[in-house]
Amino acid sequence: MPLRSQNFLVPVNLVLTLILITATLATGQTAITTYHVDNNRTGWNSHETVLTPANVGSSSFGLLKTVALDDQVDGQPLFVPGVTITAGTHQGQHDVVYVASEGNTIYAIDAEAGTVLLNPNFGKPVGHPLGCTNNGPNVGINSTPVIDLTSNTLYVLIYTQDSSGPAYRIHALDLGSLTDKVTPQLVVASHTLLDGSTFNFNATYQRQRPGLLLANGNVYAGFGSFCDFAASVSRGWLLGWSTGSLTPLPANQIFDTQVTSPNGFFLTAIWMSGYGLAADDSGNILFVTGNSDYSGTTYDGVSNIQESVVKVSSNLSTVLDLFTPKNQASLDQADADFGSGGALVLPDQPGSTPHMAVAVGKVGTLFLMNEDHLGGYSTKTNNVLGAYNVGNCWCGPSYFVDPSDGIGRVVTSGGHTVQVYKIQTSPKAALIKVSSSPYVAGTQFPGFFTSISSNGTASPIIWALSHPTVASGSPIYLYAFNPESLVGSSMQQILRTQAGTWPNTGGNSNLVPLVANGEVFVASHAQLKIFGIKSARKK
């Protein structure tokens, strides 16, 4: 990286600092290939060697590039260093950020220069499906894709307006050319209802919002609905395909197989505000379902598993376990989905309960569960390890290990604050609140999304993206908090900067900041903003 003197002498210590940062950028490359960093959905990149609370909180951190996109982005960007681009006019090796838009365009963007390397479009998106307005005007690629580095393949579900009606296709794209490696697979499925009749997947009524999951040699996707419209014909689906060939798995799941309901209202959708399906150490799939019939009378935990954390086997043949809050009936009656947030599978913990998970929904009660025995359902008590009020949550939790004591932390973002809980493992498993953030702005439904960066466990930063404010242009803001710098129990806010816009205020901006290799990537309405240390830019 040449040092441009601009007709003044560069201090030796600054030269050394820039050399060290540049060397780190060149050698410390870490790929982020899935929603919230890993299949646990921790949101924690523990290989961030450049960004620290000190430099993020200084004038050296700021906006590096703004890249124009063709439409709103709802999914999280992904990052892969050292990709060999084999098509277009920018062939060669690049560090690439991949962004998928609702216009059905997938962008490969040089992470340092901001140059669009590739931007193929995969067809006309569906306009305002069923008249639903809690999404953008177009619904194309609504979820976060997933990348398999072993085969250099990006898997993505694309929603198109075909001549015969809306259709989903799963694509396996080459990372270097963004062209199909095999013929895209049209999404079709069927499942047997209680009376033996066949219920067929219908793309017109199903919204594919949760981030894709790559595990067990398969790609998995969850489906919900558009605004709960057409609830008589929309149900929550869990589908999977073999990597490489895109062959559909022989089994699938829907979570309401009842034939009738008091109001002809089924759903039990998987939507989770875009949070990704999670996987545990055994490859089982975990997620949270939303509401069903508003009578509050259709739950039985077998043929209808609404308002629940659900664990399904890797081949999708069997529901293995579940936890349903004791007030599931009132949740259905009030449209107070537990499934507005996702399930975070905690990394293994010491003590007698090594496998735990957390989930929180619209009501704002965070449940700490034994992931080996989620808790089932009781009308009298919630058979979980603990329950904590964290604020109404159209959001999802994160996790990191704190450097002060080496103990794990759960990070929540319900309401308008980040809250940090220490994981207690002895004498019994519990969460202990240790800090919270200043107010995070935003005027949509409560809750927002966070990511964590650190160097090992050192120099942790909690990053957050606000919902849009009512200011002109509906700006969104990137926040950064230092969980190690407290005044009382309040974390130090080290950054607040405009990071894009969100004019579609009728649909939540369920956006997640991507932190990788000294940069922060924020995709929003028709733009990608790249932030980093200004003086450390590659030239």
Protein backbone atom coordinates (compact mmCIF):
# COMPACT_ATOMS: atom_id res chain seq x y z
CA MET A 1 0.00 0.00 0.00
CA PRO A 2 1.86 3.15 -1.12
CA LEU A 3 1.93 6.00 1.37
CA ARG A 4 0.89 9.24 -0.27
CA SER A 5 2.66 12.08 1.48
CA GLN A 6 0.40 14.83 0.12
CA ASN A 7 3.44 17.16 0.47
CA PHE A 8 3.96 16.46 4.18
CA LEU A 9 6.17 14.09 6.13
CA VAL A 10 4.53 10.92 7.42
CA PRO A 11 5.58 10.19 11.02
CA VAL A 12 7.57 6.99 11.46
CA ASN A 13 5.18 5.59 14.07
CA LEU A 14 2.24 6.10 11.70
CA VAL A 15 4.16 4.32 8.94
CA LEU A 16 4.80 1.35 11.24
CA THR A 17 1.15 1.29 12.31
CA LEU A 18 -0.06 1.29 8.73
CA ILE A 19 2.40 -1.46 7.78
CA LEU A 20 1.14 -3.63 10.64
CA ILE A 21 -2.50 -3.03 9.76
CA THR A 22 -1.84 -3.68 6.08
CA ALA A 23 -0.04 -6.93 6.89
CA THR A 24 -3.00 -7.99 9.02
CA LEU A 25 -5.43 -7.17 6.25
CA ALA A 26 -3.35 -9.20 3.82
CA THR A 27 -2.89 -12.28 6.01
CA GLY A 28 -5.80 -12.37 8.46
CA GLN A 29 -8.48 -13.11 5.93
CA THR A 30 -11.61 -14.74 7.36
CA ALA A 31 -14.60 -15.80 5.30
CA ILE A 32 -18.15 -15.16 6.54
CA THR A 33 -20.21 -17.62 4.52
CA THR A 34 -23.53 -17.86 6.35
CA TYR A 35 -26.07 -15.83 8.27
CA HIS A 36 -24.77 -14.69 11.67
CA VAL A 37 -21.30 -16.15 11.01
CA ASP A 38 -21.91 -19.82 11.91
CA ASN A 39 -24.57 -22.51 12.12
CA ASN A 40 -25.10 -21.83 15.83
CA ARG A 41 -26.05 -18.27 14.71
CA THR A 42 -23.73 -16.61 17.25
CA GLY A 43 -23.09 -13.57 15.05
CA TRP A 44 -19.53 -13.61 16.47
CA ASN A 45 -16.45 -13.14 14.28
CA SER A 46 -13.61 -13.88 16.70
CA HIS A 47 -10.95 -13.41 14.00
CA GLU A 48 -11.22 -9.63 13.61
CA THR A 49 -7.63 -8.45 14.12
CA VAL A 50 -7.97 -4.87 12.91
CA LEU A 51 -11.01 -3.23 14.47
CA THR A 52 -10.79 -2.34 18.15
CA PRO A 53 -12.85 -0.08 20.40
CA ALA A 54 -10.03 2.45 20.27
CA ASN A 55 -9.83 2.82 16.49
CA VAL A 56 -13.55 2.40 15.81
CA GLY A 57 -14.19 5.18 18.32
CA SER A 58 -11.68 7.50 16.62
CA SER A 59 -11.85 9.79 13.61
CA SER A 60 -9.88 7.23 11.57
CA PHE A 61 -12.96 4.98 11.28
CA GLY A 62 -15.57 5.95 8.77
CA LEU A 63 -17.25 5.41 5.43
CA LEU A 64 -14.95 4.09 2.73
CA LYS A 65 -17.26 3.32 -0.19
CA THR A 66 -20.91 3.42 -1.22
CA VAL A 67 -21.95 0.95 -3.92
CA ALA A 68 -25.22 1.43 -5.80
CA LEU A 69 -27.53 -1.61 -6.02
CA ASP A 70 -30.73 -2.18 -7.99
CA ASP A 71 -33.19 -2.77 -5.14
CA GLN A 72 -33.78 -3.24 -1.44
CA VAL A 73 -31.62 -5.82 0.37
CA ASP A 74 -33.16 -7.90 3.17
CA GLY A 75 -30.46 -10.55 3.63
CA GLN A 76 -27.04 -10.26 5.22
CA PRO A 77 -24.00 -9.78 2.95
CA LEU A 78 -21.41 -12.57 2.84
CA PHE A 79 -17.63 -12.27 2.48
CA VAL A 80 -14.97 -14.50 0.90
CA PRO A 81 -11.32 -13.47 0.55
CA GLY A 82 -9.13 -14.41 -2.39
CA VAL A 83 -11.87 -15.36 -4.85
CA THR A 84 -10.71 -15.90 -8.41
CA ILE A 85 -13.24 -14.07 -10.58
CA THR A 86 -13.46 -15.89 -13.90
CA ALA A 87 -16.09 -13.86 -15.77
CA GLY A 88 -16.66 -10.25 -16.72
CA THR A 89 -14.12 -7.46 -17.08
CA HIS A 90 -12.49 -7.74 -13.63
CA GLN A 91 -11.09 -11.25 -13.79
CA GLY A 92 -8.44 -12.21 -11.26
CA GLN A 93 -8.23 -12.53 -7.50
CA HIS A 94 -10.36 -10.31 -5.27
CA ASP A 95 -11.65 -10.17 -1.73
CA VAL A 96 -15.38 -10.32 -2.46
CA VAL A 97 -18.52 -9.29 -0.62
CA TYR A 98 -21.64 -10.98 -2.01
CA VAL A 99 -24.98 -9.14 -1.79
CA ALA A 100 -28.36 -10.41 -3.03
CA SER A 101 -31.16 -7.95 -3.77
CA GLU A 102 -34.93 -8.16 -3.92
CA GLY A 103 -34.53 -7.33 -7.60
CA ASN A 104 -33.03 -10.84 -8.03
CA THR A 105 -29.57 -9.51 -8.71
CA ILE A 106 -26.57 -11.08 -7.01
CA TYR A 107 -23.57 -8.80 -6.69
CA ALA A 108 -19.93 -9.77 -6.32
CA ILE A 109 -18.23 -6.58 -5.11
CA ASP A 110 -14.54 -5.95 -4.48
CA ALA A 111 -14.46 -5.43 -0.72
CA GLU A 112 -11.71 -2.80 -0.83
CA ALA A 113 -12.31 -0.90 -4.07
CA GLY A 114 -16.10 -1.15 -4.03
CA THR A 115 -16.04 -2.20 -7.68
CA VAL A 116 -18.94 -4.32 -8.92
CA LEU A 117 -17.20 -7.37 -10.32
CA LEU A 118 -20.29 -9.34 -11.33
CA ASN A 119 -24.02 -8.62 -11.12
CA PRO A 120 -26.12 -11.23 -12.92
CA ASN A 121 -29.88 -10.93 -12.69
CA PHE A 122 -32.00 -14.06 -12.30
CA GLY A 123 -35.42 -12.94 -13.43
CA LYS A 124 -38.34 -10.72 -12.64
CA PRO A 125 -39.18 -10.56 -8.91
CA VAL A 126 -42.74 -10.88 -7.64
CA GLY A 127 -44.44 -7.53 -7.05
CA HIS A 128 -46.21 -7.07 -3.69
CA PRO A 129 -47.18 -10.74 -3.31
CA LEU A 130 -50.86 -11.05 -2.32
CA GLY A 131 -50.82 -7.30 -1.72
CA CYS A 132 -48.55 -7.75 1.30
CA THR A 133 -46.70 -4.56 2.26
CA ASN A 134 -44.49 -5.77 5.13
CA ASN A 135 -41.90 -6.54 2.49
CA GLY A 136 -40.58 -4.27 -0.24
CA PRO A 137 -42.44 -3.57 -3.48
CA ASN A 138 -40.48 -6.47 -4.98
CA VAL A 139 -39.83 -9.86 -3.43
CA GLY A 140 -37.00 -11.65 -5.17
CA ILE A 141 -34.15 -12.87 -2.98
CA ASN A 142 -35.60 -12.35 0.49
CA SER A 143 -33.27 -14.55 2.57
CA THR A 144 -29.53 -14.70 3.19
CA PRO A 145 -27.78 -17.14 0.81
CA VAL A 146 -25.11 -19.56 2.03
CA ILE A 147 -21.66 -20.38 0.64
CA ASP A 148 -19.88 -23.74 0.56
CA LEU A 149 -16.15 -23.01 0.40
CA THR A 150 -15.27 -26.67 -0.21
CA SER A 151 -16.87 -26.46 -3.64
CA ASN A 152 -16.80 -22.65 -4.16
CA THR A 153 -20.58 -22.63 -4.45
CA LEU A 154 -23.16 -20.03 -3.43
CA TYR A 155 -26.62 -21.44 -2.75
CA VAL A 156 -29.55 -19.07 -3.07
CA LEU A 157 -33.35 -19.26 -3.28
CA ILE A 158 -34.77 -16.96 -5.94
CA TYR A 159 -38.42 -15.93 -6.25
CA THR A 160 -39.54 -15.06 -9.78
CA GLN A 161 -42.72 -14.01 -11.51
CA ASP A 162 -43.06 -16.70 -14.17
CA SER A 163 -45.71 -16.68 -16.87
CA SER A 164 -47.55 -19.38 -14.93
CA GLY A 165 -47.26 -17.56 -11.59
CA PRO A 166 -44.73 -17.05 -8.79
CA ALA A 167 -42.03 -19.72 -8.45
CA TYR A 168 -39.05 -20.50 -6.23
CA ARG A 169 -35.86 -22.04 -7.57
CA ILE A 170 -32.78 -23.01 -5.64
CA HIS A 171 -29.55 -22.23 -7.47
CA ALA A 172 -26.00 -23.47 -6.98
CA LEU A 173 -23.77 -20.71 -8.34
CA ASP A 174 -20.04 -20.75 -8.99
CA LEU A 175 -18.36 -18.17 -6.73
CA GLY A 176 -16.07 -16.95 -9.49
CA SER A 177 -18.64 -16.46 -12.25
CA LEU A 178 -22.04 -16.45 -10.49
CA THR A 179 -23.31 -18.85 -13.11
CA ASP A 180 -25.33 -22.01 -12.42
CA LYS A 181 -23.21 -25.11 -11.79
CA VAL A 182 -26.23 -27.39 -12.23
CA THR A 183 -29.76 -26.85 -13.46
CA PRO A 184 -31.70 -24.80 -10.86
CA GLN A 185 -34.25 -26.85 -8.95
CA LEU A 186 -37.87 -25.69 -9.01
CA VAL A 187 -39.17 -25.84 -5.45
CA VAL A 188 -41.98 -28.37 -5.28
CA ALA A 189 -43.07 -30.44 -2.30
CA SER A 190 -46.03 -32.25 -0.83
CA HIS A 191 -46.95 -33.47 2.64
CA THR A 192 -49.71 -35.66 4.04
CA LEU A 193 -52.33 -34.09 6.29
CA LEU A 194 -54.07 -35.83 9.21
CA ASP A 195 -56.84 -37.24 7.04
CA GLY A 196 -54.40 -38.73 4.54
CA SER A 197 -54.94 -36.00 1.94
CA THR A 198 -52.02 -34.37 0.18
CA PHE A 199 -51.07 -30.76 0.78
CA ASN A 200 -48.90 -29.27 -1.97
CA PHE A 201 -46.34 -26.49 -1.67
CA ASN A 202 -47.61 -23.40 -3.49
CA ALA A 203 -45.08 -20.64 -4.13
CA THR A 204 -47.84 -18.03 -4.48
CA TYR A 205 -48.55 -18.20 -0.75
CA GLN A 206 -45.19 -19.05 0.84
CA ARG A 207 -42.52 -16.50 1.80
CA GLN A 208 -38.95 -17.75 2.09
CA ARG A 209 -37.47 -15.36 4.65
CA PRO A 210 -35.14 -17.22 7.12
CA GLY A 211 -31.44 -17.40 6.24
CA LEU A 212 -30.45 -20.62 4.46
CA LEU A 213 -28.59 -23.33 6.38
CA LEU A 214 -25.76 -25.48 4.98
CA ALA A 215 -25.25 -28.61 7.11
CA ASN A 216 -25.04 -32.39 6.78
CA GLY A 217 -24.30 -32.11 3.07
CA ASN A 218 -27.64 -30.38 2.55
CA VAL A 219 -29.09 -26.91 2.13
CA TYR A 220 -32.20 -26.20 4.23
CA ALA A 221 -34.85 -23.49 3.91
CA GLY A 222 -37.82 -22.43 6.01
CA PHE A 223 -41.00 -20.87 4.64
CA GLY A 224 -43.68 -18.66 6.12
CA SER A 225 -46.39 -16.44 4.69
CA PHE A 226 -47.01 -13.01 3.21
CA CYS A 227 -48.61 -10.82 5.91
CA ASP A 228 -50.55 -13.88 7.18
CA PHE A 229 -52.72 -13.40 4.08
CA ALA A 230 -54.27 -16.52 2.55
CA ALA A 231 -53.82 -18.26 5.91
CA SER A 232 -56.14 -21.03 4.78
CA VAL A 233 -53.59 -22.20 2.20
CA SER A 234 -50.27 -21.10 3.73
CA ARG A 235 -48.35 -23.30 6.19
CA GLY A 236 -44.85 -23.38 7.60
CA TRP A 237 -42.57 -25.62 5.55
CA LEU A 238 -39.06 -26.95 6.17
CA LEU A 239 -37.40 -28.23 3.00
CA GLY A 240 -33.91 -29.45 2.07
CA TRP A 241 -31.78 -30.30 -0.96
CA SER A 242 -28.54 -32.21 -1.38
CA THR A 243 -25.57 -29.99 -2.08
CA GLY A 244 -24.13 -30.25 -5.55
CA SER A 245 -27.01 -32.01 -7.28
CA LEU A 246 -29.85 -30.01 -5.62
CA THR A 247 -31.85 -33.21 -5.31
CA PRO A 248 -34.74 -32.62 -2.87
CA LEU A 249 -34.55 -34.59 0.36
CA PRO A 250 -37.07 -37.47 0.44
CA ALA A 251 -38.68 -36.08 3.61
CA ASN A 252 -39.93 -32.62 4.51
CA GLN A 253 -41.97 -31.08 7.29
CA ILE A 254 -44.96 -28.82 7.65
CA PHE A 255 -45.91 -27.88 11.19
CA ASP A 256 -49.68 -27.68 10.88
CA THR A 257 -51.08 -30.86 9.35
CA GLN A 258 -54.61 -30.35 10.63
CA VAL A 259 -57.39 -30.46 8.07
CA THR A 260 -59.76 -27.98 9.69
CA SER A 261 -59.54 -25.12 12.18
CA PRO A 262 -62.22 -22.85 13.69
CA ASN A 263 -61.35 -19.95 11.40
CA GLY A 264 -59.78 -21.77 8.45
CA PHE A 265 -56.47 -20.29 9.61
CA PHE A 266 -53.34 -22.50 9.64
CA LEU A 267 -49.85 -20.97 9.14
CA THR A 268 -47.46 -22.11 11.95
CA ALA A 269 -44.93 -20.34 9.79
CA ILE A 270 -41.14 -20.22 9.96
CA TRP A 271 -40.14 -16.57 9.47
CA MET A 272 -38.00 -15.38 12.44
CA SER A 273 -37.52 -11.86 11.01
CA GLY A 274 -34.96 -13.35 8.62
CA TYR A 275 -32.85 -15.07 11.31
CA GLY A 276 -31.24 -18.24 10.00
CA LEU A 277 -32.20 -21.83 10.67
CA ALA A 278 -29.70 -23.16 13.22
CA ALA A 279 -27.95 -26.52 13.61
CA ASP A 280 -26.63 -28.20 16.75
CA ASP A 281 -23.52 -30.38 17.13
CA SER A 282 -25.43 -33.43 15.89
CA GLY A 283 -26.68 -31.68 12.76
CA ASN A 284 -30.25 -31.35 13.99
CA ILE A 285 -32.16 -28.29 12.74
CA LEU A 286 -33.61 -25.73 15.20
CA PHE A 287 -35.98 -22.84 14.55
CA VAL A 288 -39.04 -21.09 16.01
CA THR A 289 -42.59 -21.21 14.64
CA GLY A 290 -45.15 -18.42 14.58
CA ASN A 291 -48.87 -18.20 15.22
CA SER A 292 -51.72 -20.36 14.02
CA ASP A 293 -55.52 -20.07 14.33
CA TYR A 294 -56.51 -17.00 16.34
CA SER A 295 -59.03 -19.03 18.32
CA GLY A 296 -56.09 -20.24 20.39
CA THR A 297 -57.48 -23.79 20.36
CA THR A 298 -55.55 -25.73 17.71
CA TYR A 299 -52.23 -26.55 19.41
CA ASP A 300 -51.52 -30.17 20.21
CA GLY A 301 -47.74 -30.34 19.81
CA VAL A 302 -47.98 -33.02 17.13
CA SER A 303 -50.29 -32.06 14.27
CA ASN A 304 -49.88 -28.35 15.03
CA ILE A 305 -46.67 -27.08 16.60
CA GLN A 306 -47.13 -23.33 16.57
CA GLU A 307 -45.42 -20.80 18.89
CA SER A 308 -42.57 -23.25 19.54
CA VAL A 309 -38.86 -23.88 19.37
CA VAL A 310 -38.65 -27.04 17.27
CA LYS A 311 -35.80 -29.49 16.71
CA VAL A 312 -35.94 -31.65 13.57
CA SER A 313 -33.62 -34.47 12.46
CA SER A 314 -31.08 -33.75 9.74
CA ASN A 315 -32.98 -35.82 7.17
CA LEU A 316 -36.19 -33.88 8.02
CA SER A 317 -38.06 -37.09 8.79
CA THR A 318 -38.66 -36.56 12.51
CA VAL A 319 -39.56 -33.84 14.99
CA LEU A 320 -37.17 -34.71 17.82
CA ASP A 321 -38.01 -32.16 20.49
CA LEU A 322 -39.82 -28.90 21.15
CA PHE A 323 -40.48 -26.19 23.68
CA THR A 324 -43.81 -24.36 23.71
CA PRO A 325 -44.55 -21.53 26.18
CA LYS A 326 -47.42 -22.25 28.54
CA ASN A 327 -49.30 -19.20 27.19
CA GLN A 328 -49.28 -20.41 23.57
CA ALA A 329 -53.06 -20.01 23.32
CA SER A 330 -52.94 -16.31 24.19
CA LEU A 331 -49.99 -15.84 21.81
CA ASP A 332 -52.14 -17.21 18.98
CA GLN A 333 -55.08 -15.06 20.00
CA ALA A 334 -53.00 -11.88 20.04
CA ASP A 335 -50.85 -12.58 16.95
CA ALA A 336 -47.91 -12.36 19.38
CA ASP A 337 -45.62 -14.75 17.54
CA PHE A 338 -42.87 -16.48 19.47
CA GLY A 339 -41.49 -16.99 15.97
CA SER A 340 -40.65 -13.32 15.33
CA GLY A 341 -37.13 -14.21 16.52
CA GLY A 342 -34.80 -17.11 15.88
CA ALA A 343 -33.13 -19.79 18.00
CA LEU A 344 -29.46 -19.38 18.97
CA VAL A 345 -27.71 -22.65 19.82
CA LEU A 346 -25.04 -21.77 22.37
CA PRO A 347 -21.55 -23.21 21.89
CA ASP A 348 -20.78 -25.96 24.40
CA GLN A 349 -20.61 -24.73 27.98
CA PRO A 350 -18.91 -26.21 31.08
CA GLY A 351 -20.99 -27.78 33.83
CA SER A 352 -23.84 -30.22 33.95
CA THR A 353 -25.81 -28.56 31.11
CA PRO A 354 -23.33 -28.29 28.24
CA HIS A 355 -25.88 -27.80 25.47
CA MET A 356 -28.19 -24.80 25.69
CA ALA A 357 -30.24 -22.60 23.39
CA VAL A 358 -32.06 -19.28 23.67
CA ALA A 359 -35.00 -17.78 21.81
CA VAL A 360 -37.25 -14.73 22.20
CA GLY A 361 -40.27 -13.41 20.29
CA LYS A 362 -42.73 -10.54 20.13
CA VAL A 363 -43.67 -10.65 23.84
CA GLY A 364 -40.01 -10.18 24.81
CA THR A 365 -39.46 -13.19 27.09
CA LEU A 366 -36.07 -14.77 26.42
CA PHE A 367 -36.11 -18.49 27.25
CA LEU A 368 -32.91 -20.31 28.21
CA MET A 369 -33.38 -23.98 27.30
CA ASN A 370 -31.49 -27.22 27.73
CA GLU A 371 -30.90 -28.04 24.08
CA ASP A 372 -30.86 -31.76 24.87
CA HIS A 373 -34.32 -31.53 26.49
CA LEU A 374 -35.98 -28.35 25.24
CA GLY A 375 -38.87 -28.49 27.72
CA GLY A 376 -41.95 -29.71 25.88
CA TYR A 377 -45.27 -28.10 26.76
CA SER A 378 -47.18 -27.66 29.99
CA THR A 379 -50.18 -25.46 30.69
CA LYS A 380 -48.85 -24.82 34.20
CA THR A 381 -45.16 -24.05 33.87
CA ASN A 382 -42.40 -23.40 31.34
CA ASN A 383 -39.98 -26.28 31.79
CA VAL A 384 -36.90 -24.28 30.86
CA LEU A 385 -33.70 -23.19 32.61
CA GLY A 386 -34.78 -19.58 32.87
CA ALA A 387 -36.96 -16.80 31.45
CA TYR A 388 -35.90 -13.14 31.16
CA ASN A 389 -37.64 -9.99 29.99
CA VAL A 390 -35.48 -8.44 27.26
CA GLY A 391 -38.01 -6.30 25.38
CA ASN A 392 -40.33 -6.99 22.47
CA CYS A 393 -38.29 -8.67 19.81
CA TRP A 394 -38.54 -8.71 16.06
CA CYS A 395 -34.87 -9.63 16.32
CA GLY A 396 -32.39 -12.37 17.21
CA PRO A 397 -29.69 -12.99 19.82
CA SER A 398 -25.89 -13.11 19.50
CA TYR A 399 -23.08 -14.64 21.56
CA PHE A 400 -19.42 -14.04 22.46
CA VAL A 401 -16.91 -14.95 25.14
CA ASP A 402 -15.88 -12.08 27.37
CA PRO A 403 -12.12 -11.50 27.82
CA SER A 404 -12.47 -10.45 31.47
CA ASP A 405 -13.46 -13.90 32.72
CA GLY A 406 -13.56 -16.25 29.71
CA ILE A 407 -17.27 -16.82 30.23
CA GLY A 408 -19.85 -16.76 27.46
CA ARG A 409 -22.28 -13.90 27.01
CA VAL A 410 -25.71 -13.83 25.38
CA VAL A 411 -26.46 -10.54 23.62
CA THR A 412 -30.10 -9.55 23.15
CA SER A 413 -31.58 -6.61 21.26
CA GLY A 414 -35.26 -6.42 22.10
CA GLY A 415 -36.96 -3.07 22.38
CA HIS A 416 -34.40 -0.31 21.84
CA THR A 417 -31.37 -1.51 23.81
CA VAL A 418 -28.62 -4.07 23.59
CA GLN A 419 -28.44 -6.19 26.75
CA VAL A 420 -25.59 -8.50 27.73
CA TYR A 421 -26.12 -11.56 29.94
CA LYS A 422 -23.38 -13.69 31.51
CA ILE A 423 -23.97 -17.44 31.23
CA GLN A 424 -23.91 -18.99 34.68
CA THR A 425 -23.23 -22.72 34.63
CA SER A 426 -22.92 -23.51 38.36
CA PRO A 427 -24.62 -24.29 40.67
CA LYS A 428 -27.29 -24.23 37.99
CA ALA A 429 -27.59 -22.84 34.48
CA ALA A 430 -28.89 -19.27 34.34
CA LEU A 431 -28.34 -15.89 32.71
CA ILE A 432 -27.12 -12.92 34.74
CA LYS A 433 -27.58 -9.47 33.25
CA VAL A 434 -24.33 -7.50 33.32
CA SER A 435 -24.86 -4.47 31.06
CA SER A 436 -27.08 -2.65 28.59
CA SER A 437 -26.55 -0.06 25.90
CA PRO A 438 -27.79 3.48 25.41
CA TYR A 439 -30.96 3.87 23.36
CA VAL A 440 -30.90 2.60 19.77
CA ALA A 441 -33.17 4.70 17.55
CA GLY A 442 -35.81 3.35 15.19
CA THR A 443 -39.53 3.66 14.55
CA GLN A 444 -40.58 0.22 13.28
CA PHE A 445 -41.48 -2.84 15.36
CA PRO A 446 -39.23 -3.17 18.44
CA GLY A 447 -35.94 -4.99 18.24
CA PHE A 448 -32.99 -4.96 15.84
CA PHE A 449 -29.98 -7.13 15.00
CA THR A 450 -26.41 -7.31 16.29
CA SER A 451 -23.05 -8.78 15.34
CA ILE A 452 -19.93 -9.19 17.48
CA SER A 453 -16.28 -8.80 16.49
CA SER A 454 -13.16 -9.53 18.52
CA ASN A 455 -9.55 -10.72 18.18
CA GLY A 456 -9.86 -14.07 19.89
CA THR A 457 -11.70 -12.81 22.94
CA ALA A 458 -9.79 -9.50 23.04
CA SER A 459 -11.26 -6.14 22.04
CA PRO A 460 -14.91 -7.18 21.62
CA ILE A 461 -17.26 -4.79 19.85
CA ILE A 462 -21.03 -5.18 19.67
CA TRP A 463 -22.34 -3.80 16.37
CA ALA A 464 -26.01 -2.97 15.78
CA LEU A 465 -28.14 -1.62 12.96
CA SER A 466 -31.12 0.53 13.83
CA HIS A 467 -34.48 0.55 12.19
CA PRO A 468 -35.11 3.72 10.13
CA THR A 469 -35.91 6.95 11.91
CA VAL A 470 -38.54 9.47 10.85
CA ALA A 471 -35.91 11.85 9.54
CA SER A 472 -35.88 12.82 5.87
CA GLY A 473 -34.87 9.84 3.73
CA SER A 474 -35.58 7.34 6.52
CA PRO A 475 -31.93 6.82 7.50
CA ILE A 476 -30.66 3.78 9.35
CA TYR A 477 -27.67 3.98 11.70
CA LEU A 478 -24.72 1.75 12.48
CA TYR A 479 -23.91 1.61 16.19
CA ALA A 480 -20.91 0.15 17.99
CA PHE A 481 -20.68 -0.52 21.73
CA ASN A 482 -17.76 -1.51 23.94
CA PRO A 483 -19.00 -4.18 26.39
CA GLU A 484 -15.79 -3.82 28.43
CA SER A 485 -16.23 -0.09 29.10
CA LEU A 486 -19.07 0.44 31.57
CA VAL A 487 -20.45 3.35 33.50
CA GLY A 488 -22.46 1.48 36.07
CA SER A 489 -24.13 -1.14 33.89
CA SER A 490 -24.25 1.03 30.76
CA MET A 491 -21.93 0.17 27.88
CA GLN A 492 -19.93 2.88 26.17
CA GLN A 493 -21.30 3.83 22.76
CA ILE A 494 -18.26 4.29 20.53
CA LEU A 495 -19.98 4.87 17.18
CA ARG A 496 -23.22 6.08 15.66
CA THR A 497 -23.12 6.86 11.95
CA GLN A 498 -25.64 6.86 9.14
CA ALA A 499 -25.34 3.61 7.23
CA GLY A 500 -28.02 3.73 4.56
CA THR A 501 -31.71 4.41 4.12
CA TRP A 502 -34.95 2.44 4.37
CA PRO A 503 -37.89 4.24 2.69
CA ASN A 504 -40.03 1.08 2.88
CA THR A 505 -41.11 1.87 6.42
CA GLY A 506 -44.04 -0.57 6.22
CA GLY A 507 -41.61 -3.50 6.27
CA ASN A 508 -39.02 -3.97 9.00
CA SER A 509 -35.38 -3.46 8.12
CA ASN A 510 -34.19 -6.77 9.56
CA LEU A 511 -30.61 -5.94 8.63
CA VAL A 512 -27.43 -7.47 10.03
CA PRO A 513 -24.02 -5.75 9.86
CA LEU A 514 -21.27 -7.95 8.44
CA VAL A 515 -17.86 -7.46 10.08
CA ALA A 516 -14.84 -9.01 8.38
CA ASN A 517 -11.16 -8.23 7.93
CA GLY A 518 -11.15 -4.66 9.16
CA GLU A 519 -14.36 -3.62 7.43
CA VAL A 520 -18.07 -3.38 8.20
CA PHE A 521 -20.57 -3.95 5.40
CA VAL A 522 -24.13 -2.63 5.58
CA ALA A 523 -26.59 -3.38 2.78
CA SER A 524 -29.90 -1.51 2.83
CA HIS A 525 -32.14 0.17 0.26
CA ALA A 526 -30.37 0.08 -3.12
CA GLN A 527 -26.91 0.49 -1.63
CA LEU A 528 -24.00 -1.18 0.13
CA LYS A 529 -21.89 0.93 2.47
CA ILE A 530 -18.39 -0.18 3.40
CA PHE A 531 -16.84 1.19 6.61
CA GLY A 532 -13.33 0.78 7.94
CA ILE A 533 -10.10 2.44 9.01
CA LYS A 534 -9.56 5.14 6.41
CA SER A 535 -5.76 5.17 6.60
CA ALA A 536 -5.56 1.37 6.32
CA ARG A 537 -7.21 1.10 2.92
CA LYS A 538 -5.61 -1.14 0.35
CA LYS A 539 -4.54 0.87 -2.67
